[in-house]
Protein backbone atom coordinates (compact mmCIF):
# COMPACT_ATOMS: atom_id res chain seq x y z
CA UNK A 1 -0.07 0.07 0.00
CA UNK A 2 1.26 3.47 -0.87
CA UNK A 3 0.63 6.66 1.29
CA UNK A 4 -0.25 10.36 0.13
CA UNK A 5 -0.62 13.57 1.95
CA UNK A 6 -3.50 16.03 1.08
CA UNK A 7 -3.89 19.72 0.92
CA UNK A 8 -6.86 21.98 0.74
CA UNK A 9 -5.17 24.71 1.98
CA UNK A 10 -7.81 25.50 4.79
CA UNK A 11 -7.79 28.58 6.69
CA UNK A 12 -10.59 29.18 9.13
CA UNK A 13 -11.00 32.67 10.28
CA UNK A 14 -9.95 34.88 12.16
CA UNK A 15 -7.22 35.95 9.70
CA UNK A 16 -4.25 38.28 10.05
CA UNK A 17 -2.15 39.88 7.39
CA UNK A 18 0.25 36.78 7.48
CA UNK A 19 -2.12 34.04 7.72
CA UNK A 20 -1.97 32.72 3.87
CA UNK A 21 1.79 33.39 3.67
CA UNK A 22 2.27 31.33 6.94
CA UNK A 23 -0.23 28.71 5.62
CA UNK A 24 1.51 28.16 2.46
CA UNK A 25 5.01 28.01 3.91
CA UNK A 26 4.09 25.65 6.60
CA UNK A 27 2.60 23.34 3.92
CA UNK A 28 5.91 23.37 1.82
CA UNK A 29 7.78 22.54 4.92
CA UNK A 30 5.29 19.49 5.80
CA UNK A 31 5.90 18.24 1.94
CA UNK A 32 9.53 18.59 2.29
CA UNK A 33 9.42 16.50 5.58
CA UNK A 34 7.07 13.79 3.98
CA UNK A 35 9.51 13.33 1.12
CA UNK A 36 12.21 12.84 3.50
CA UNK A 37 10.12 10.45 5.54
CA UNK A 38 9.30 8.24 2.58
CA UNK A 39 5.64 9.18 1.66
CA UNK A 40 4.68 8.55 -1.66
CA UNK A 41 2.31 11.35 -2.72
CA UNK A 42 1.58 14.99 -1.98
CA UNK A 43 -2.09 15.86 -3.42
CA UNK A 44 -3.10 19.40 -3.88
CA UNK A 45 -6.69 20.65 -4.78
CA UNK A 46 -7.96 23.23 -6.96
CA UNK A 47 -10.78 25.50 -5.64
CA UNK A 48 -11.92 28.81 -6.36
CA UNK A 49 -13.53 31.50 -4.23
CA UNK A 50 -14.28 29.01 -1.21
CA UNK A 51 -12.91 31.07 1.58
CA UNK A 52 -11.70 29.34 4.69
CA UNK A 53 -12.54 25.90 3.30
CA UNK A 54 -9.86 25.94 0.59
CA UNK A 55 -7.22 28.82 -0.20
CA UNK A 56 -5.95 26.64 -3.07
CA UNK A 57 -6.68 28.20 -6.33
CA UNK A 58 -3.30 27.72 -8.09
CA UNK A 59 -2.13 24.34 -7.42
CA UNK A 60 0.41 24.25 -10.15
CA UNK A 61 2.38 27.15 -8.63
CA UNK A 62 2.30 25.35 -5.19
CA UNK A 63 3.31 22.04 -6.60
CA UNK A 64 6.17 23.65 -8.57
CA UNK A 65 7.55 25.33 -5.32
CA UNK A 66 7.08 21.74 -3.81
CA UNK A 67 9.02 20.12 -6.58
CA UNK A 68 12.07 22.04 -5.86
CA UNK A 69 12.27 21.04 -2.20
CA UNK A 70 11.62 17.47 -2.79
CA UNK A 71 13.16 14.65 -4.50
CA UNK A 72 10.98 11.39 -4.73
CA UNK A 73 7.42 12.35 -3.38
CA UNK A 74 4.97 12.17 -6.28
CA UNK A 75 3.25 15.44 -7.02
CA UNK A 76 -0.55 15.09 -7.50
CA UNK A 77 -3.21 17.54 -8.72
CA UNK A 78 -6.35 16.49 -6.91
CA UNK A 79 -7.70 17.81 -9.03
CA UNK A 80 -7.41 20.06 -11.98
CA UNK A 81 -10.81 21.57 -12.67
CA UNK A 82 -11.33 20.86 -16.57
CA UNK A 83 -14.48 22.96 -16.43
CA UNK A 84 -13.11 26.12 -15.43
CA UNK A 85 -9.71 25.90 -17.60
CA UNK A 86 -8.81 26.03 -21.04
CA UNK A 87 -7.43 22.74 -22.41
CA UNK A 88 -4.05 24.23 -23.82
CA UNK A 89 -3.41 26.09 -20.55
CA UNK A 90 -3.96 22.74 -18.82
CA UNK A 91 -1.60 21.14 -20.89
CA UNK A 92 0.96 23.63 -20.74
CA UNK A 93 1.15 24.15 -17.02
CA UNK A 94 0.92 20.27 -16.17
CA UNK A 95 3.84 19.74 -18.69
CA UNK A 96 6.00 22.41 -17.44
CA UNK A 97 5.26 20.96 -13.88
CA UNK A 98 6.14 17.33 -14.93
CA UNK A 99 9.53 18.93 -16.47
CA UNK A 100 10.78 20.76 -13.44
CA UNK A 101 9.71 17.92 -11.13
CA UNK A 102 11.68 15.41 -13.15
CA UNK A 103 8.47 13.53 -14.22
CA UNK A 104 6.66 13.24 -10.82
CA UNK A 105 3.15 14.57 -12.00
CA UNK A 106 -0.02 12.68 -10.89
CA UNK A 107 -2.76 14.49 -13.03
CA UNK A 108 -6.39 14.38 -11.20
CA UNK A 109 -9.33 15.63 -13.41
CA UNK A 110 -12.52 17.02 -11.82
CA UNK A 111 -15.55 18.94 -12.59
CA UNK A 112 -15.77 21.62 -9.82
CA UNK A 113 -17.96 21.30 -6.58
CA UNK A 114 -20.68 24.04 -6.70
CA UNK A 115 -22.22 27.22 -8.50
CA UNK A 116 -19.94 29.17 -6.40
CA UNK A 117 -16.93 27.95 -8.48
CA UNK A 118 -18.59 27.50 -11.71
CA UNK A 119 -20.70 30.28 -12.36
CA UNK A 120 -18.00 33.10 -12.56
CA UNK A 121 -16.29 31.02 -15.26
CA UNK A 122 -19.58 30.90 -17.29
CA UNK A 123 -20.27 27.12 -16.57
CA UNK A 124 -23.86 25.71 -15.51
CA UNK A 125 -23.71 23.15 -12.69
CA UNK A 126 -25.87 20.74 -14.77
CA UNK A 127 -23.59 20.81 -17.68
CA UNK A 128 -20.34 19.90 -15.84
CA UNK A 129 -20.05 16.28 -16.55
CA UNK A 130 -20.65 17.05 -20.36
CA UNK A 131 -18.08 19.86 -20.23
CA UNK A 132 -15.66 17.52 -18.47
CA UNK A 133 -15.81 14.74 -20.90
CA UNK A 134 -15.26 17.08 -23.81
CA UNK A 135 -12.53 18.85 -22.05
CA UNK A 136 -10.88 15.41 -21.67
CA UNK A 137 -10.92 14.84 -25.26
CA UNK A 138 -9.68 18.31 -26.04
CA UNK A 139 -6.90 18.44 -23.64
CA UNK A 140 -5.24 14.98 -23.46
CA UNK A 141 -4.00 14.63 -26.92
CA UNK A 142 -2.06 18.06 -26.38
CA UNK A 143 0.46 15.87 -24.48
CA UNK A 144 1.70 13.68 -27.31
CA UNK A 145 0.52 15.04 -30.47
CA UNK A 146 2.72 17.76 -32.43
CA UNK A 147 -0.12 19.28 -34.03
CA UNK A 148 -3.91 19.18 -32.47
CA UNK A 149 -6.99 20.74 -33.11
CA UNK A 150 -10.33 20.22 -31.70
CA UNK A 151 -13.72 21.54 -32.34
CA UNK A 152 -16.54 20.69 -29.98
CA UNK A 153 -19.66 22.34 -28.22
CA UNK A 154 -17.76 23.91 -25.23
CA UNK A 155 -14.17 24.21 -26.65
CA UNK A 156 -12.82 25.28 -30.08
CA UNK A 157 -9.20 24.94 -30.73
CA UNK A 158 -7.29 25.44 -34.00
CA UNK A 159 -4.31 23.34 -35.05
CA UNK A 160 -1.24 24.24 -32.90
CA UNK A 161 1.50 22.30 -31.48
CA UNK A 162 0.86 22.71 -27.51
CA UNK A 163 4.35 23.05 -25.98
CA UNK A 164 6.07 22.05 -23.87
CA UNK A 165 5.48 18.10 -23.82
CA UNK A 166 5.77 16.26 -20.26
CA UNK A 167 8.50 14.11 -19.46
CA UNK A 168 6.46 11.19 -18.73
CA UNK A 169 5.17 9.86 -21.99
CA UNK A 170 2.54 9.89 -23.28
CA UNK A 171 1.47 12.05 -20.26
CA UNK A 172 1.32 11.77 -16.43
CA UNK A 173 -0.90 9.09 -14.72
CA UNK A 174 -4.65 9.89 -14.81
CA UNK A 175 -7.23 10.14 -11.94
CA UNK A 176 -10.89 10.92 -11.37
CA UNK A 177 -12.12 12.98 -8.52
CA UNK A 178 -14.98 10.79 -6.99
CA UNK A 179 -16.89 13.01 -4.36
CA UNK A 180 -19.73 10.67 -4.73
CA UNK A 181 -19.07 7.00 -4.43
CA UNK A 182 -20.70 5.85 -7.66
CA UNK A 183 -18.37 7.89 -9.42
CA UNK A 184 -15.83 5.18 -8.63
CA UNK A 185 -17.42 3.29 -11.09
CA UNK A 186 -17.12 5.87 -13.79
CA UNK A 187 -13.65 6.34 -13.16
CA UNK A 188 -12.90 2.75 -13.99
CA UNK A 189 -15.34 2.98 -16.89
CA UNK A 190 -13.04 5.85 -18.32
CA UNK A 191 -9.74 3.84 -17.41
CA UNK A 192 -8.76 6.32 -14.92
CA UNK A 193 -7.73 6.12 -11.20
CA UNK A 194 -10.41 6.92 -8.52
CA UNK A 195 -9.69 9.65 -6.00
CA UNK A 196 -12.41 8.87 -3.35
CA UNK A 197 -13.04 9.22 0.41
CA UNK A 198 -12.54 6.60 2.72
CA UNK A 199 -15.27 3.76 3.30
CA UNK A 200 -17.23 3.29 6.45
CA UNK A 201 -15.95 -0.36 6.89
CA UNK A 202 -14.51 -3.40 5.40
CA UNK A 203 -17.60 -4.66 3.59
CA UNK A 204 -18.19 -1.35 1.82
CA UNK A 205 -14.37 -1.05 0.73
CA UNK A 206 -14.41 -4.67 -0.51
CA UNK A 207 -17.61 -3.88 -2.70
CA UNK A 208 -16.22 -0.50 -4.13
CA UNK A 209 -12.81 -1.85 -4.83
CA UNK A 210 -14.19 -4.85 -6.48
CA UNK A 211 -16.76 -2.91 -8.52
CA UNK A 212 -13.95 -0.59 -9.73
CA UNK A 213 -11.88 -3.32 -11.03
CA UNK A 214 -14.63 -5.35 -12.39
CA UNK A 215 -15.70 -2.22 -14.50
CA UNK A 216 -12.21 -1.48 -15.46
CA UNK A 217 -11.51 -4.95 -16.74
CA UNK A 218 -15.06 -5.76 -18.10
CA UNK A 219 -16.60 -2.50 -19.15
CA UNK A 220 -13.97 0.00 -19.80
CA UNK A 221 -14.45 2.66 -22.60
CA UNK A 222 -11.89 5.50 -22.96
CA UNK A 223 -12.82 9.02 -23.92
CA UNK A 224 -9.59 9.02 -26.31
CA UNK A 225 -6.61 7.29 -26.72
CA UNK A 226 -4.68 7.84 -23.51
CA UNK A 227 -2.88 5.42 -21.23
CA UNK A 228 -5.04 3.87 -18.50
CA UNK A 229 -4.27 3.95 -14.74
CA UNK A 230 -5.83 1.13 -12.59
CA UNK A 231 -5.78 2.68 -9.18
CA UNK A 232 -8.16 3.29 -6.33
CA UNK A 233 -7.11 5.95 -3.67
CA UNK A 234 -9.11 6.79 -0.41
CA UNK A 235 -8.78 9.89 1.59
CA UNK A 236 -9.35 9.91 5.30
CA UNK A 237 -9.24 12.07 8.01
CA UNK A 238 -5.56 11.70 9.96
CA UNK A 239 -3.93 12.27 13.18
CA UNK A 240 -1.19 9.94 14.70
CA UNK A 241 -0.30 10.58 18.17
CA UNK A 242 0.86 8.11 21.24
CA UNK A 243 -2.67 7.75 22.33
CA UNK A 244 -6.18 7.86 20.89
CA UNK A 245 -7.20 10.57 23.17
CA UNK A 246 -4.37 12.97 22.17
CA UNK A 247 -5.18 12.33 18.45
CA UNK A 248 -8.84 13.09 18.85
CA UNK A 249 -8.06 16.11 20.82
CA UNK A 250 -5.38 17.45 18.34
CA UNK A 251 -7.88 16.70 15.45
CA UNK A 252 -10.66 18.27 17.03
CA UNK A 253 -11.22 20.18 13.73
CA UNK A 254 -11.00 17.87 10.99
CA UNK A 255 -14.60 17.59 10.29
CA UNK A 256 -14.55 21.38 9.21
CA UNK A 257 -13.58 19.71 5.75
CA UNK A 258 -16.99 18.04 5.26
CA UNK A 259 -19.17 20.76 7.06
CA UNK A 260 -17.70 23.58 4.92
CA UNK A 261 -17.96 22.00 1.63
CA UNK A 262 -21.59 20.81 2.35
CA UNK A 263 -22.38 24.68 3.35
CA UNK A 264 -21.04 25.83 0.10
CA UNK A 265 -22.96 23.13 -1.64
CA UNK A 266 -26.45 23.81 0.17
CA UNK A 267 -26.48 27.51 0.79
CA UNK A 268 -23.71 29.15 -1.64
CA UNK A 269 -22.74 31.44 -3.22
CA UNK A 270 -21.94 33.76 -0.13
CA UNK A 271 -21.40 37.40 -0.35
CA UNK A 272 -17.64 37.89 0.52
CA UNK A 273 -17.36 38.31 4.33
CA UNK A 274 -20.81 37.35 4.72
CA UNK A 275 -19.99 34.17 6.76
CA UNK A 276 -17.61 33.21 9.61
CA UNK A 277 -17.66 29.50 8.62
CA UNK A 278 -15.72 28.49 11.74
CA UNK A 279 -17.87 30.16 13.88
CA UNK A 280 -20.88 28.24 12.30
CA UNK A 281 -18.98 25.14 12.50
CA UNK A 282 -18.57 25.44 16.32
CA UNK A 283 -22.39 25.77 16.52
CA UNK A 284 -22.80 22.83 14.37
CA UNK A 285 -20.48 20.44 16.36
CA UNK A 286 -22.93 20.89 19.18
CA UNK A 287 -25.75 19.10 17.11
CA UNK A 288 -26.24 15.28 17.07
CA UNK A 289 -24.68 15.16 13.59
CA UNK A 290 -21.75 17.38 14.54
CA UNK A 291 -21.04 15.27 17.68
CA UNK A 292 -21.14 11.88 15.73
CA UNK A 293 -17.52 10.38 15.15
CA UNK A 294 -16.68 7.76 12.49
CA UNK A 295 -14.39 4.90 13.62
CA UNK A 296 -13.40 4.48 10.08
CA UNK A 297 -10.97 7.82 10.29
CA UNK A 298 -7.35 7.32 10.66
CA UNK A 299 -7.17 9.34 13.85
CA UNK A 300 -5.65 7.52 16.78
CA UNK A 301 -2.74 5.79 18.18
CA UNK A 302 -0.33 3.71 15.77
CA UNK A 303 -2.11 0.77 16.96
CA UNK A 304 -5.31 1.87 16.22
CA UNK A 305 -4.39 3.39 12.82
CA UNK A 306 -2.65 0.00 11.79
CA UNK A 307 -5.85 -2.03 12.59
CA UNK A 308 -7.95 0.31 10.09
CA UNK A 309 -5.39 0.25 7.54
CA UNK A 310 -5.22 -3.54 7.57
CA UNK A 311 -8.91 -3.45 6.75
CA UNK A 312 -8.33 -1.27 3.44
CA UNK A 313 -5.13 -3.59 2.66
CA UNK A 314 -7.49 -6.64 2.94
CA UNK A 315 -9.71 -4.90 0.51
CA UNK A 316 -6.84 -4.22 -1.94
CA UNK A 317 -7.14 -0.21 -1.81
CA UNK A 318 -4.02 0.77 -3.84
CA UNK A 319 -3.22 4.23 -1.88
CA UNK A 320 -4.24 5.89 1.33
CA UNK A 321 -4.15 9.50 1.40
CA UNK A 322 -3.92 11.22 5.01
CA UNK A 323 -5.96 14.42 5.36
CA UNK A 324 -3.85 16.23 7.86
CA UNK A 325 -4.34 20.08 7.10
CA UNK A 326 -7.75 20.35 8.09
CA UNK A 327 -9.45 22.85 10.23
CA UNK A 328 -7.13 24.36 12.57
CA UNK A 329 -4.67 21.61 12.95
CA UNK A 330 -1.43 22.92 13.94
CA UNK A 331 1.85 22.84 11.83
CA UNK A 332 3.59 21.29 14.86
CA UNK A 333 0.95 18.40 15.22
CA UNK A 334 0.89 17.90 11.77
CA UNK A 335 4.67 17.14 11.46
CA UNK A 336 4.87 15.06 14.60
CA UNK A 337 1.88 13.02 13.36
CA UNK A 338 3.83 12.52 9.95
CA UNK A 339 6.77 11.36 11.67
CA UNK A 340 5.29 9.08 14.18
CA UNK A 341 3.20 7.33 11.59
CA UNK A 342 6.20 7.07 9.11
CA UNK A 343 8.19 5.43 12.06
CA UNK A 344 5.65 3.06 13.48
CA UNK A 345 3.07 2.41 10.99
CA UNK A 346 4.05 2.91 7.18
CA UNK A 347 6.95 0.58 6.69
CA UNK A 348 5.02 -2.76 7.24
CA UNK A 349 2.65 -1.62 4.40
CA UNK A 350 5.11 -0.52 2.17
CA UNK A 351 7.07 -3.81 2.63
CA UNK A 352 3.89 -5.72 1.46
CA UNK A 353 3.38 -3.64 -1.62
CA UNK A 354 4.60 -6.26 -4.19
CA UNK A 355 1.66 -8.30 -3.06
CA UNK A 356 -0.75 -5.74 -4.03
CA UNK A 357 0.78 -5.59 -7.33
CA UNK A 358 0.88 -8.98 -8.10
CA UNK A 359 -2.94 -9.26 -6.92
CA UNK A 360 -3.72 -6.33 -9.31
CA UNK A 361 -2.00 -7.97 -12.25
CA UNK A 362 -3.75 -11.06 -11.81
CA UNK A 363 -7.14 -9.47 -11.84
CA UNK A 364 -6.24 -7.19 -14.67
CA UNK A 365 -5.24 -10.27 -16.76
CA UNK A 366 -8.44 -12.21 -16.08
CA UNK A 367 -6.49 -15.00 -14.02
CA UNK A 368 -8.30 -13.86 -10.86
CA UNK A 369 -12.26 -13.27 -10.81
CA UNK A 370 -13.56 -10.79 -8.34
CA UNK A 371 -16.87 -11.20 -6.71
CA UNK A 372 -19.39 -8.88 -8.27
CA UNK A 373 -20.68 -7.48 -4.98
CA UNK A 374 -23.53 -5.11 -4.67
CA UNK A 375 -22.25 -1.75 -3.57
CA UNK A 376 -24.95 -1.66 -0.95
CA UNK A 377 -23.04 -3.28 1.85
CA UNK A 378 -25.99 -5.13 3.00
CA UNK A 379 -26.68 -7.05 -0.46
CA UNK A 380 -24.25 -9.26 -2.26
CA UNK A 381 -24.61 -10.38 -5.76
CA UNK A 382 -23.04 -13.55 -7.66
CA UNK A 383 -19.65 -13.85 -8.96
CA UNK A 384 -18.71 -12.50 -12.55
CA UNK A 385 -19.03 -15.02 -15.35
CA UNK A 386 -15.43 -16.53 -15.65
CA UNK A 387 -16.19 -16.45 -19.43
CA UNK A 388 -15.94 -12.76 -19.61
CA UNK A 389 -12.67 -11.65 -21.16
CA UNK A 390 -10.54 -8.77 -19.80
CA UNK A 391 -10.39 -5.76 -22.40
CA UNK A 392 -7.15 -5.14 -24.32
CA UNK A 393 -6.34 -2.14 -22.19
CA UNK A 394 -6.84 -4.31 -19.15
CA UNK A 395 -4.34 -6.68 -20.62
CA UNK A 396 -1.75 -4.06 -21.10
CA UNK A 397 -2.13 -2.55 -17.70
CA UNK A 398 -1.88 -6.10 -16.30
CA UNK A 399 1.47 -6.76 -18.14
CA UNK A 400 3.04 -3.26 -16.86
CA UNK A 401 1.65 -4.11 -13.36
CA UNK A 402 3.19 -7.52 -13.29
CA UNK A 403 6.75 -6.17 -14.65
CA UNK A 404 6.57 -3.49 -11.82
CA UNK A 405 5.64 -6.42 -9.03
CA UNK A 406 8.50 -8.25 -10.29
CA UNK A 407 10.90 -5.25 -9.86
CA UNK A 408 9.28 -4.44 -6.41
CA UNK A 409 9.86 -8.01 -5.29
CA UNK A 410 13.67 -8.04 -6.56
CA UNK A 411 14.63 -5.05 -4.78
CA UNK A 412 12.59 -5.49 -1.63
CA UNK A 413 14.69 -6.10 1.50
């Protein structure tokens, strides 16, 4: 299993004149630390106009800065909003980032979360999936075609050579943001990795992982001729401390993440300065919904977190992304949490990565047939028919995964 860290650049009020500067500098220090500790990915969102919830409107700039302070950690757009960006600008910025980072970019693609973000760019919420699909078709060939033109309903682009080209050929690995669980199947249908939120229990994780890989193998339909990326990653609230009680206390504001996003979706857009989201969050935490805590989050002692990760490993999740920069979690607590987790928990899961890659190669090749489980965790369906053949894209992906597994096994201690 691989591990990532995740950044919304949350900044609850009150602010002072140095708040944003301090936020970004602290985040860069955290990613530099994570790189030294052996974490695999650093993911950064793109959001616009969502004050307090996310001050991350230019992820390519932040990730470029991170690229010059790190050496190994993969740098993930989690995600680029294809609906609010011109295809050529996406290709130019991502390729440049890939070059300056020596080929460490992961490219997550998303639609935008609310009318607060979409309307200022002339996009309607109800059109966002259609716009996204056309944007994928318009953007991705720019990474590998010397000359490319596109004429669609939302994007019209004359014949040009979009430069530079990325170091990773034909393009960085592709992911889809899955804010709703049913999008996990859609990501697999399009042959892309799924970036989703953590599942409530082992049964749910198993059902969705199986649904993802069964769809990837048997029902894949790419939007254009890009390389596939069979991967499922989950994001979970995170704080690792010596005791469960200390971790809960130090991550007291992590649910601000879900609260603020829901508020923007249900009540937004808001006039600038109209709301104090952190103040409203304190009131919400006193309600029955706000007092409810999930046992599935990665908040606790090393022993507690290890137990929860073993469930995700058993379900064959590929990557766990740790949401540590949330609410008012302090820079010091974030760093100490990353250090403790890297020392006490992460190594054993890294050591078993070859087993996951071998399992994945068997699934993609069709040698291992997964149960086709109803994604309602209370219902289970029968097995997929073994007569179904994996797609050609799945076969190619299986060969690549098998080769990677062999390399990992040969180099592991």
